[in-house]
Amino acid sequence: MKYEVSGIFAIETEAENEQEARVKVQLILQERGIDGCVIQVKERREGSARK
């Protein structure tokens, strides 16, 4: 049997601006065969680690 599993993701990446970050993550998803949609891009400050 085949299953489609969907969810919400968060990827942290280095970029010069929000547009570059969006494109980089879209390429990461595409390279891994993930049909995803980037909804939001926000700047992360140093030291604000995600837990």
PDB file of N, CA and C in Angstrom:
ATOM      1  N   MET A   1       0.837  -1.183   0.000  1.00  0.00           N
ATOM      2  CA  MET A   1       0.000   0.000   0.000  1.00  0.00           C
ATOM      3  C   MET A   1       0.878   1.241   0.000  1.00  0.00           C
ATOM      4  N   LYS A   2       0.372   2.294  -0.616  1.00  0.00           N
ATOM      5  CA  LYS A   2       1.072   3.571  -0.624  1.00  0.00           C
ATOM      6  C   LYS A   2       0.303   4.552   0.251  1.00  0.00           C
ATOM      7  N   TYR A   3       1.048   5.417   0.909  1.00  0.00           N
ATOM      8  CA  TYR A   3       0.448   6.425   1.772  1.00  0.00           C
ATOM      9  C   TYR A   3       1.063   7.776   1.464  1.00  0.00           C
ATOM     10  N   GLU A   4       0.262   8.808   1.528  1.00  0.00           N
ATOM     11  CA  GLU A   4       0.769  10.180   1.454  1.00  0.00           C
ATOM     12  C   GLU A   4       0.679  10.756   2.851  1.00  0.00           C
ATOM     13  N   VAL A   5       1.811  11.196   3.365  1.00  0.00           N
ATOM     14  CA  VAL A   5       1.873  11.777   4.705  1.00  0.00           C
ATOM     15  C   VAL A   5       2.283  13.230   4.550  1.00  0.00           C
ATOM     16  N   SER A   6       1.521  14.146   5.098  1.00  0.00           N
ATOM     17  CA  SER A   6       1.847  15.567   4.987  1.00  0.00           C
ATOM     18  C   SER A   6       1.986  16.172   6.368  1.00  0.00           C
ATOM     19  N   GLY A   7       2.652  17.306   6.418  1.00  0.00           N
ATOM     20  CA  GLY A   7       2.852  17.949   7.704  1.00  0.00           C
ATOM     21  C   GLY A   7       3.410  19.344   7.553  1.00  0.00           C
ATOM     22  N   ILE A   8       3.865  19.867   8.645  1.00  0.00           N
ATOM     23  CA  ILE A   8       4.446  21.208   8.703  1.00  0.00           C
ATOM     24  C   ILE A   8       5.923  21.053   8.998  1.00  0.00           C
ATOM     25  N   PHE A   9       6.753  21.856   8.346  1.00  0.00           N
ATOM     26  CA  PHE A   9       8.186  21.742   8.542  1.00  0.00           C
ATOM     27  C   PHE A   9       8.787  23.102   8.864  1.00  0.00           C
ATOM     28  N   ALA A  10       9.978  23.074   9.403  1.00  0.00           N
ATOM     29  CA  ALA A  10      10.769  24.293   9.623  1.00  0.00           C
ATOM     30  C   ALA A  10      12.210  23.944   9.287  1.00  0.00           C
ATOM     31  N   ILE A  11      12.812  24.700   8.394  1.00  0.00           N
ATOM     32  CA  ILE A  11      14.195  24.494   7.994  1.00  0.00           C
ATOM     33  C   ILE A  11      14.941  25.799   8.220  1.00  0.00           C
ATOM     34  N   GLU A  12      16.067  25.728   8.878  1.00  0.00           N
ATOM     35  CA  GLU A  12      16.899  26.904   9.092  1.00  0.00           C
ATOM     36  C   GLU A  12      18.030  26.878   8.067  1.00  0.00           C
ATOM     37  N   THR A  13      18.264  28.007   7.375  1.00  0.00           N
ATOM     38  CA  THR A  13      19.293  28.071   6.342  1.00  0.00           C
ATOM     39  C   THR A  13      19.991  29.429   6.370  1.00  0.00           C
ATOM     40  N   GLU A  14      21.211  29.458   5.881  1.00  0.00           N
ATOM     41  CA  GLU A  14      21.966  30.708   5.750  1.00  0.00           C
ATOM     42  C   GLU A  14      21.598  31.359   4.424  1.00  0.00           C
ATOM     43  N   ALA A  15      21.352  32.680   4.430  1.00  0.00           N
ATOM     44  CA  ALA A  15      21.030  33.401   3.204  1.00  0.00           C
ATOM     45  C   ALA A  15      21.277  34.886   3.405  1.00  0.00           C
ATOM     46  N   GLU A  16      21.394  35.597   2.301  1.00  0.00           N
ATOM     47  CA  GLU A  16      21.604  37.050   2.349  1.00  0.00           C
ATOM     48  C   GLU A  16      20.307  37.804   2.641  1.00  0.00           C
ATOM     49  N   ASN A  17      19.161  37.233   2.219  1.00  0.00           N
ATOM     50  CA  ASN A  17      17.874  37.895   2.431  1.00  0.00           C
ATOM     51  C   ASN A  17      16.754  36.853   2.410  1.00  0.00           C
ATOM     52  N   GLU A  18      15.520  37.315   2.646  1.00  0.00           N
ATOM     53  CA  GLU A  18      14.380  36.399   2.731  1.00  0.00           C
ATOM     54  C   GLU A  18      14.113  35.681   1.413  1.00  0.00           C
ATOM     55  N   GLN A  19      14.253  36.385   0.295  1.00  0.00           N
ATOM     56  CA  GLN A  19      13.996  35.755  -0.998  1.00  0.00           C
ATOM     57  C   GLN A  19      14.995  34.635  -1.269  1.00  0.00           C
ATOM     58  N   GLU A  20      16.274  34.865  -0.964  1.00  0.00           N
ATOM     59  CA  GLU A  20      17.289  33.831  -1.161  1.00  0.00           C
ATOM     60  C   GLU A  20      17.008  32.634  -0.257  1.00  0.00           C
ATOM     61  N   ALA A  21      16.591  32.891   0.971  1.00  0.00           N
ATOM     62  CA  ALA A  21      16.267  31.803   1.902  1.00  0.00           C
ATOM     63  C   ALA A  21      15.106  30.972   1.366  1.00  0.00           C
ATOM     64  N   ARG A  22      14.093  31.627   0.841  1.00  0.00           N
ATOM     65  CA  ARG A  22      12.922  30.934   0.281  1.00  0.00           C
ATOM     66  C   ARG A  22      13.345  30.025  -0.879  1.00  0.00           C
ATOM     67  N   VAL A  23      14.151  30.562  -1.789  1.00  0.00           N
ATOM     68  CA  VAL A  23      14.583  29.792  -2.956  1.00  0.00           C
ATOM     69  C   VAL A  23      15.451  28.607  -2.531  1.00  0.00           C
ATOM     70  N   LYS A  24      16.367  28.835  -1.584  1.00  0.00           N
ATOM     71  CA  LYS A  24      17.245  27.753  -1.131  1.00  0.00           C
ATOM     72  C   LYS A  24      16.440  26.607  -0.540  1.00  0.00           C
ATOM     73  N   VAL A  25      15.448  26.926   0.279  1.00  0.00           N
ATOM     74  CA  VAL A  25      14.647  25.878   0.915  1.00  0.00           C
ATOM     75  C   VAL A  25      13.758  25.181  -0.117  1.00  0.00           C
ATOM     76  N   GLN A  26      13.209  25.918  -1.073  1.00  0.00           N
ATOM     77  CA  GLN A  26      12.417  25.283  -2.124  1.00  0.00           C
ATOM     78  C   GLN A  26      13.277  24.290  -2.898  1.00  0.00           C
ATOM     79  N   LEU A  27      14.540  24.640  -3.162  1.00  0.00           N
ATOM     80  CA  LEU A  27      15.440  23.721  -3.859  1.00  0.00           C
ATOM     81  C   LEU A  27      15.770  22.503  -3.013  1.00  0.00           C
ATOM     82  N   ILE A  28      15.960  22.700  -1.705  1.00  0.00           N
ATOM     83  CA  ILE A  28      16.224  21.573  -0.799  1.00  0.00           C
ATOM     84  C   ILE A  28      15.057  20.589  -0.851  1.00  0.00           C
ATOM     85  N   LEU A  29      13.837  21.099  -0.759  1.00  0.00           N
ATOM     86  CA  LEU A  29      12.654  20.240  -0.799  1.00  0.00           C
ATOM     87  C   LEU A  29      12.575  19.502  -2.131  1.00  0.00           C
ATOM     88  N   GLN A  30      12.776  20.231  -3.222  1.00  0.00           N
ATOM     89  CA  GLN A  30      12.705  19.637  -4.556  1.00  0.00           C
ATOM     90  C   GLN A  30      13.748  18.539  -4.733  1.00  0.00           C
ATOM     91  N   GLU A  31      14.980  18.782  -4.288  1.00  0.00           N
ATOM     92  CA  GLU A  31      16.052  17.794  -4.423  1.00  0.00           C
ATOM     93  C   GLU A  31      15.743  16.514  -3.662  1.00  0.00           C
ATOM     94  N   ARG A  32      14.997  16.626  -2.585  1.00  0.00           N
ATOM     95  CA  ARG A  32      14.670  15.461  -1.760  1.00  0.00           C
ATOM     96  C   ARG A  32      13.330  14.837  -2.142  1.00  0.00           C
ATOM     97  N   GLY A  33      12.722  15.357  -3.197  1.00  0.00           N
ATOM     98  CA  GLY A  33      11.463  14.783  -3.663  1.00  0.00           C
ATOM     99  C   GLY A  33      10.274  15.117  -2.785  1.00  0.00           C
ATOM    100  N   ILE A  34      10.346  16.223  -2.075  1.00  0.00           N
ATOM    101  CA  ILE A  34       9.264  16.632  -1.184  1.00  0.00           C
ATOM    102  C   ILE A  34       8.436  17.710  -1.873  1.00  0.00           C
ATOM    103  N   ASP A  35       7.143  17.459  -2.027  1.00  0.00           N
ATOM    104  CA  ASP A  35       6.245  18.441  -2.619  1.00  0.00           C
ATOM    105  C   ASP A  35       5.797  19.357  -1.493  1.00  0.00           C
ATOM    106  N   GLY A  36       6.489  20.465  -1.322  1.00  0.00           N
ATOM    107  CA  GLY A  36       6.205  21.363  -0.209  1.00  0.00           C
ATOM    108  C   GLY A  36       5.921  22.764  -0.683  1.00  0.00           C
ATOM    109  N   CYS A  37       5.463  23.589   0.231  1.00  0.00           N
ATOM    110  CA  CYS A  37       5.136  24.977  -0.069  1.00  0.00           C
ATOM    111  C   CYS A  37       5.698  25.848   1.059  1.00  0.00           C
ATOM    112  N   VAL A  38       6.528  26.808   0.703  1.00  0.00           N
ATOM    113  CA  VAL A  38       7.071  27.728   1.706  1.00  0.00           C
ATOM    114  C   VAL A  38       6.014  28.786   1.977  1.00  0.00           C
ATOM    115  N   ILE A  39       5.633  28.921   3.240  1.00  0.00           N
ATOM    116  CA  ILE A  39       4.581  29.856   3.620  1.00  0.00           C
ATOM    117  C   ILE A  39       5.157  31.117   4.254  1.00  0.00           C
ATOM    118  N   GLN A  40       6.154  30.947   5.101  1.00  0.00           N
ATOM    119  CA  GLN A  40       6.684  32.088   5.833  1.00  0.00           C
ATOM    120  C   GLN A  40       8.194  31.985   5.932  1.00  0.00           C
ATOM    121  N   VAL A  41       8.865  33.138   5.850  1.00  0.00           N
ATOM    122  CA  VAL A  41      10.302  33.226   6.054  1.00  0.00           C
ATOM    123  C   VAL A  41      10.525  34.330   7.070  1.00  0.00           C
ATOM    124  N   LYS A  42      11.221  34.021   8.152  1.00  0.00           N
ATOM    125  CA  LYS A  42      11.531  35.075   9.119  1.00  0.00           C
ATOM    126  C   LYS A  42      12.965  34.953   9.590  1.00  0.00           C
ATOM    127  N   GLU A  43      13.559  36.102   9.837  1.00  0.00           N
ATOM    128  CA  GLU A  43      14.956  36.167  10.252  1.00  0.00           C
ATOM    129  C   GLU A  43      15.122  35.613  11.658  1.00  0.00           C
ATOM    130  N   ARG A  44      16.178  34.818  11.843  1.00  0.00           N
ATOM    131  CA  ARG A  44      16.493  34.280  13.167  1.00  0.00           C
ATOM    132  C   ARG A  44      17.699  35.015  13.695  1.00  0.00           C
ATOM    133  N   ARG A  45      17.671  35.384  14.915  1.00  0.00           N
ATOM    134  CA  ARG A  45      18.783  36.084  15.539  1.00  0.00           C
ATOM    135  C   ARG A  45      19.740  35.062  16.131  1.00  0.00           C
ATOM    136  N   GLU A  46      21.025  35.387  16.152  1.00  0.00           N
ATOM    137  CA  GLU A  46      22.012  34.512  16.774  1.00  0.00           C
ATOM    138  C   GLU A  46      21.642  34.284  18.231  1.00  0.00           C
ATOM    139  N   GLY A  47      21.786  33.066  18.691  1.00  0.00           N
ATOM    140  CA  GLY A  47      21.492  32.755  20.090  1.00  0.00           C
ATOM    141  C   GLY A  47      20.036  32.424  20.348  1.00  0.00           C
ATOM    142  N   SER A  48      19.194  32.494  19.328  1.00  0.00           N
ATOM    143  CA  SER A  48      17.772  32.147  19.533  1.00  0.00           C
ATOM    144  C   SER A  48      17.537  30.739  19.001  1.00  0.00           C
ATOM    145  N   ALA A  49      18.196  29.784  19.629  1.00  0.00           N
ATOM    146  CA  ALA A  49      18.136  28.381  19.171  1.00  0.00           C
ATOM    147  C   ALA A  49      16.736  27.822  19.345  1.00  0.00           C
ATOM    148  N   ARG A  50      16.336  27.024  18.385  1.00  0.00           N
ATOM    149  CA  ARG A  50      15.041  26.337  18.425  1.00  0.00           C
ATOM    150  C   ARG A  50      15.195  25.070  19.225  1.00  0.00           C
ATOM    151  N   LYS A  51      14.240  24.778  20.072  1.00  0.00           N
ATOM    152  CA  LYS A  51      14.281  23.566  20.882  1.00  0.00           C
ATOM    153  C   LYS A  51      13.246  22.600  20.450  1.00  0.00           C
TER     154      LYS A  51
END
